[in-house]
Amino acid sequence: MREISFLGVKINFTSGEISVLGYKFRILTLVLIYVLYLIIFGNLLCSCSTMSLGDMQEYFALIKQEGFEDPKPKPKPPVASKPQ
């Protein structure tokens, strides 16, 4: 069993290639692209965070103890009075 084929995708284990719709990709290259994607995504996610790690741990411990509730409930919209 050296090759698997399904839905237009062929995986060849002997050459280490994946063929999708006629395009060939090396498995090692795809793994490296995925690892770089995870590093870039993690960097973006952490750089946008305004909480420190200690604050996050306290927040999740509080949620675990008390359950999740919205700290700032949205105000109810004003009820329109009926014209007379």
N, C-alpha and C. Protein backbone atom coordinates (compact mmCIF):
# COMPACT_ATOMS: atom_id res chain seq x y z
N MET A 1 0.85 -1.18 0.00
CA MET A 1 0.00 0.00 0.00
C MET A 1 0.89 1.24 0.00
N ARG A 2 1.26 1.65 -1.17
CA ARG A 2 2.19 2.78 -1.29
C ARG A 2 1.50 4.06 -1.72
N GLU A 3 0.24 3.94 -2.14
CA GLU A 3 -0.47 5.14 -2.60
C GLU A 3 -1.94 5.05 -2.21
N ILE A 4 -2.45 6.16 -1.71
CA ILE A 4 -3.86 6.27 -1.34
C ILE A 4 -4.48 7.33 -2.24
N SER A 5 -5.68 7.06 -2.75
CA SER A 5 -6.34 8.00 -3.64
C SER A 5 -7.81 8.13 -3.23
N PHE A 6 -8.27 9.37 -3.01
CA PHE A 6 -9.67 9.62 -2.71
C PHE A 6 -10.02 11.06 -3.06
N LEU A 7 -11.18 11.27 -3.65
CA LEU A 7 -11.72 12.59 -4.00
C LEU A 7 -10.71 13.48 -4.73
N GLY A 8 -9.99 12.94 -5.65
CA GLY A 8 -9.04 13.72 -6.43
C GLY A 8 -7.73 14.01 -5.72
N VAL A 9 -7.54 13.42 -4.55
CA VAL A 9 -6.31 13.62 -3.78
C VAL A 9 -5.54 12.30 -3.77
N LYS A 10 -4.29 12.36 -4.20
CA LYS A 10 -3.44 11.17 -4.19
C LYS A 10 -2.28 11.40 -3.24
N ILE A 11 -2.06 10.45 -2.35
CA ILE A 11 -0.94 10.51 -1.42
C ILE A 11 -0.01 9.36 -1.73
N ASN A 12 1.22 9.68 -2.11
CA ASN A 12 2.23 8.69 -2.43
C ASN A 12 3.25 8.68 -1.30
N PHE A 13 3.31 7.56 -0.57
CA PHE A 13 4.19 7.47 0.59
C PHE A 13 5.64 7.21 0.21
N THR A 14 5.88 6.58 -0.93
CA THR A 14 7.26 6.28 -1.29
C THR A 14 8.02 7.54 -1.71
N SER A 15 7.37 8.44 -2.44
CA SER A 15 8.04 9.68 -2.86
C SER A 15 7.77 10.83 -1.91
N GLY A 16 6.82 10.65 -0.97
CA GLY A 16 6.50 11.71 -0.02
C GLY A 16 5.79 12.88 -0.67
N GLU A 17 4.88 12.60 -1.59
CA GLU A 17 4.18 13.67 -2.31
C GLU A 17 2.67 13.51 -2.16
N ILE A 18 1.99 14.65 -2.19
CA ILE A 18 0.54 14.70 -2.22
C ILE A 18 0.15 15.41 -3.50
N SER A 19 -0.77 14.83 -4.25
CA SER A 19 -1.23 15.42 -5.50
C SER A 19 -2.70 15.81 -5.33
N VAL A 20 -2.98 17.10 -5.52
CA VAL A 20 -4.35 17.62 -5.40
C VAL A 20 -4.68 18.34 -6.69
N LEU A 21 -5.66 17.81 -7.43
CA LEU A 21 -6.12 18.40 -8.69
C LEU A 21 -4.96 18.68 -9.66
N GLY A 22 -4.01 17.79 -9.72
CA GLY A 22 -2.90 17.92 -10.65
C GLY A 22 -1.70 18.66 -10.10
N TYR A 23 -1.81 19.29 -8.95
CA TYR A 23 -0.67 19.98 -8.33
C TYR A 23 0.00 19.03 -7.35
N LYS A 24 1.33 18.96 -7.40
CA LYS A 24 2.07 18.07 -6.51
C LYS A 24 2.76 18.89 -5.42
N PHE A 25 2.64 18.40 -4.19
CA PHE A 25 3.26 19.04 -3.03
C PHE A 25 4.04 17.99 -2.26
N ARG A 26 5.21 18.36 -1.78
CA ARG A 26 5.97 17.45 -0.92
C ARG A 26 5.41 17.55 0.49
N ILE A 27 5.30 16.42 1.16
CA ILE A 27 4.71 16.36 2.50
C ILE A 27 5.56 17.17 3.48
N LEU A 28 6.87 17.10 3.37
CA LEU A 28 7.75 17.84 4.27
C LEU A 28 7.53 19.35 4.14
N THR A 29 7.34 19.82 2.91
CA THR A 29 7.09 21.24 2.68
C THR A 29 5.77 21.67 3.31
N LEU A 30 4.74 20.84 3.18
CA LEU A 30 3.44 21.17 3.78
C LEU A 30 3.53 21.20 5.31
N VAL A 31 4.29 20.29 5.89
CA VAL A 31 4.47 20.27 7.35
C VAL A 31 5.19 21.54 7.81
N LEU A 32 6.24 21.95 7.08
CA LEU A 32 6.96 23.17 7.44
C LEU A 32 6.07 24.41 7.32
N ILE A 33 5.25 24.47 6.28
CA ILE A 33 4.33 25.59 6.11
C ILE A 33 3.34 25.62 7.27
N TYR A 34 2.83 24.47 7.69
CA TYR A 34 1.88 24.41 8.79
C TYR A 34 2.53 24.85 10.11
N VAL A 35 3.75 24.42 10.36
CA VAL A 35 4.45 24.84 11.59
C VAL A 35 4.68 26.35 11.59
N LEU A 36 5.11 26.90 10.46
CA LEU A 36 5.29 28.35 10.37
C LEU A 36 3.97 29.08 10.57
N TYR A 37 2.88 28.54 10.03
CA TYR A 37 1.56 29.13 10.22
C TYR A 37 1.19 29.17 11.70
N LEU A 38 1.44 28.06 12.42
CA LEU A 38 1.12 28.03 13.84
C LEU A 38 1.94 29.05 14.62
N ILE A 39 3.21 29.20 14.28
CA ILE A 39 4.07 30.17 14.97
C ILE A 39 3.57 31.59 14.70
N ILE A 40 3.26 31.90 13.46
CA ILE A 40 2.80 33.25 13.11
C ILE A 40 1.44 33.53 13.75
N PHE A 41 0.53 32.55 13.71
CA PHE A 41 -0.79 32.74 14.30
C PHE A 41 -0.69 32.92 15.82
N GLY A 42 0.14 32.12 16.47
CA GLY A 42 0.32 32.25 17.92
C GLY A 42 0.92 33.59 18.28
N ASN A 43 1.87 34.07 17.48
CA ASN A 43 2.47 35.37 17.73
C ASN A 43 1.43 36.48 17.58
N LEU A 44 0.60 36.39 16.55
CA LEU A 44 -0.45 37.38 16.33
C LEU A 44 -1.46 37.36 17.46
N LEU A 45 -1.88 36.18 17.87
CA LEU A 45 -2.87 36.06 18.93
C LEU A 45 -2.35 36.62 20.24
N CYS A 46 -1.12 36.31 20.59
CA CYS A 46 -0.56 36.77 21.86
C CYS A 46 -0.21 38.26 21.81
N SER A 47 0.14 38.78 20.66
CA SER A 47 0.49 40.20 20.59
C SER A 47 -0.75 41.08 20.69
N CYS A 48 -1.91 40.55 20.35
CA CYS A 48 -3.15 41.33 20.42
C CYS A 48 -3.79 41.24 21.80
N SER A 49 -3.31 40.37 22.65
CA SER A 49 -3.90 40.19 23.97
C SER A 49 -3.46 41.30 24.90
N THR A 50 -4.40 41.81 25.68
CA THR A 50 -4.09 42.87 26.63
C THR A 50 -3.96 42.34 28.06
N MET A 51 -4.16 41.05 28.25
CA MET A 51 -4.07 40.45 29.57
C MET A 51 -2.73 39.74 29.72
N SER A 52 -2.18 39.80 30.91
CA SER A 52 -0.96 39.03 31.17
C SER A 52 -1.35 37.60 31.50
N LEU A 53 -0.38 36.72 31.55
CA LEU A 53 -0.65 35.31 31.82
C LEU A 53 -1.26 35.15 33.22
N GLY A 54 -0.76 35.90 34.19
CA GLY A 54 -1.30 35.83 35.54
C GLY A 54 -2.75 36.29 35.60
N ASP A 55 -3.07 37.36 34.87
CA ASP A 55 -4.45 37.84 34.82
C ASP A 55 -5.38 36.80 34.21
N MET A 56 -4.90 36.13 33.15
CA MET A 56 -5.72 35.10 32.51
C MET A 56 -5.98 33.94 33.45
N GLN A 57 -4.95 33.54 34.21
CA GLN A 57 -5.13 32.43 35.14
C GLN A 57 -6.14 32.80 36.23
N GLU A 58 -6.07 34.02 36.74
CA GLU A 58 -7.04 34.47 37.74
C GLU A 58 -8.45 34.51 37.16
N TYR A 59 -8.57 35.00 35.93
CA TYR A 59 -9.87 35.11 35.28
C TYR A 59 -10.50 33.74 35.07
N PHE A 60 -9.70 32.77 34.58
CA PHE A 60 -10.23 31.44 34.34
C PHE A 60 -10.56 30.72 35.65
N ALA A 61 -9.79 30.97 36.70
CA ALA A 61 -10.11 30.40 38.01
C ALA A 61 -11.42 30.98 38.53
N LEU A 62 -11.64 32.26 38.33
CA LEU A 62 -12.89 32.90 38.75
C LEU A 62 -14.07 32.33 37.97
N ILE A 63 -13.90 32.13 36.68
CA ILE A 63 -14.97 31.55 35.86
C ILE A 63 -15.27 30.13 36.32
N LYS A 64 -14.23 29.37 36.66
CA LYS A 64 -14.41 28.00 37.09
C LYS A 64 -15.18 27.93 38.40
N GLN A 65 -14.94 28.88 39.31
CA GLN A 65 -15.62 28.89 40.59
C GLN A 65 -17.06 29.38 40.48
N GLU A 66 -17.26 30.49 39.81
CA GLU A 66 -18.56 31.14 39.83
C GLU A 66 -19.39 30.91 38.57
N GLY A 67 -18.81 30.41 37.54
CA GLY A 67 -19.52 30.27 36.28
C GLY A 67 -19.39 31.54 35.46
N PHE A 68 -19.71 31.45 34.20
CA PHE A 68 -19.52 32.60 33.32
C PHE A 68 -20.73 33.50 33.33
N GLU A 69 -20.52 34.76 33.57
CA GLU A 69 -21.56 35.78 33.47
C GLU A 69 -20.94 36.99 32.79
N ASP A 70 -21.73 37.69 32.01
CA ASP A 70 -21.25 38.88 31.33
C ASP A 70 -21.02 39.96 32.38
N PRO A 71 -19.80 40.49 32.52
CA PRO A 71 -19.54 41.49 33.56
C PRO A 71 -20.27 42.80 33.33
N LYS A 72 -20.54 43.12 32.09
CA LYS A 72 -21.25 44.36 31.78
C LYS A 72 -22.51 44.01 31.00
N PRO A 73 -23.63 43.81 31.68
CA PRO A 73 -24.84 43.48 30.94
C PRO A 73 -25.26 44.64 30.05
N LYS A 74 -25.78 44.28 28.89
CA LYS A 74 -26.19 45.31 27.94
C LYS A 74 -27.46 45.99 28.44
N PRO A 75 -27.52 47.31 28.30
CA PRO A 75 -28.73 48.00 28.75
C PRO A 75 -29.90 47.65 27.82
N LYS A 76 -31.08 47.60 28.41
CA LYS A 76 -32.27 47.30 27.63
C LYS A 76 -32.63 48.52 26.79
N PRO A 77 -33.08 48.29 25.56
CA PRO A 77 -33.45 49.44 24.73
C PRO A 77 -34.69 50.11 25.29
N PRO A 78 -34.79 51.43 25.15
CA PRO A 78 -35.95 52.11 25.69
C PRO A 78 -37.22 51.70 24.93
N VAL A 79 -38.30 51.61 25.68
CA VAL A 79 -39.57 51.22 25.09
C VAL A 79 -40.21 52.47 24.51
N ALA A 80 -40.57 52.39 23.25
CA ALA A 80 -41.20 53.54 22.61
C ALA A 80 -42.63 53.68 23.09
N SER A 81 -43.00 54.88 23.44
CA SER A 81 -44.37 55.12 23.89
C SER A 81 -45.28 55.21 22.68
N LYS A 82 -46.50 54.73 22.88
CA LYS A 82 -47.46 54.73 21.80
C LYS A 82 -48.04 56.13 21.62
N PRO A 83 -48.16 56.59 20.37
CA PRO A 83 -48.76 57.91 20.15
C PRO A 83 -50.24 57.87 20.48
N GLN A 84 -50.75 58.97 21.02
CA GLN A 84 -52.15 59.02 21.43
C GLN A 84 -53.02 59.66 20.38
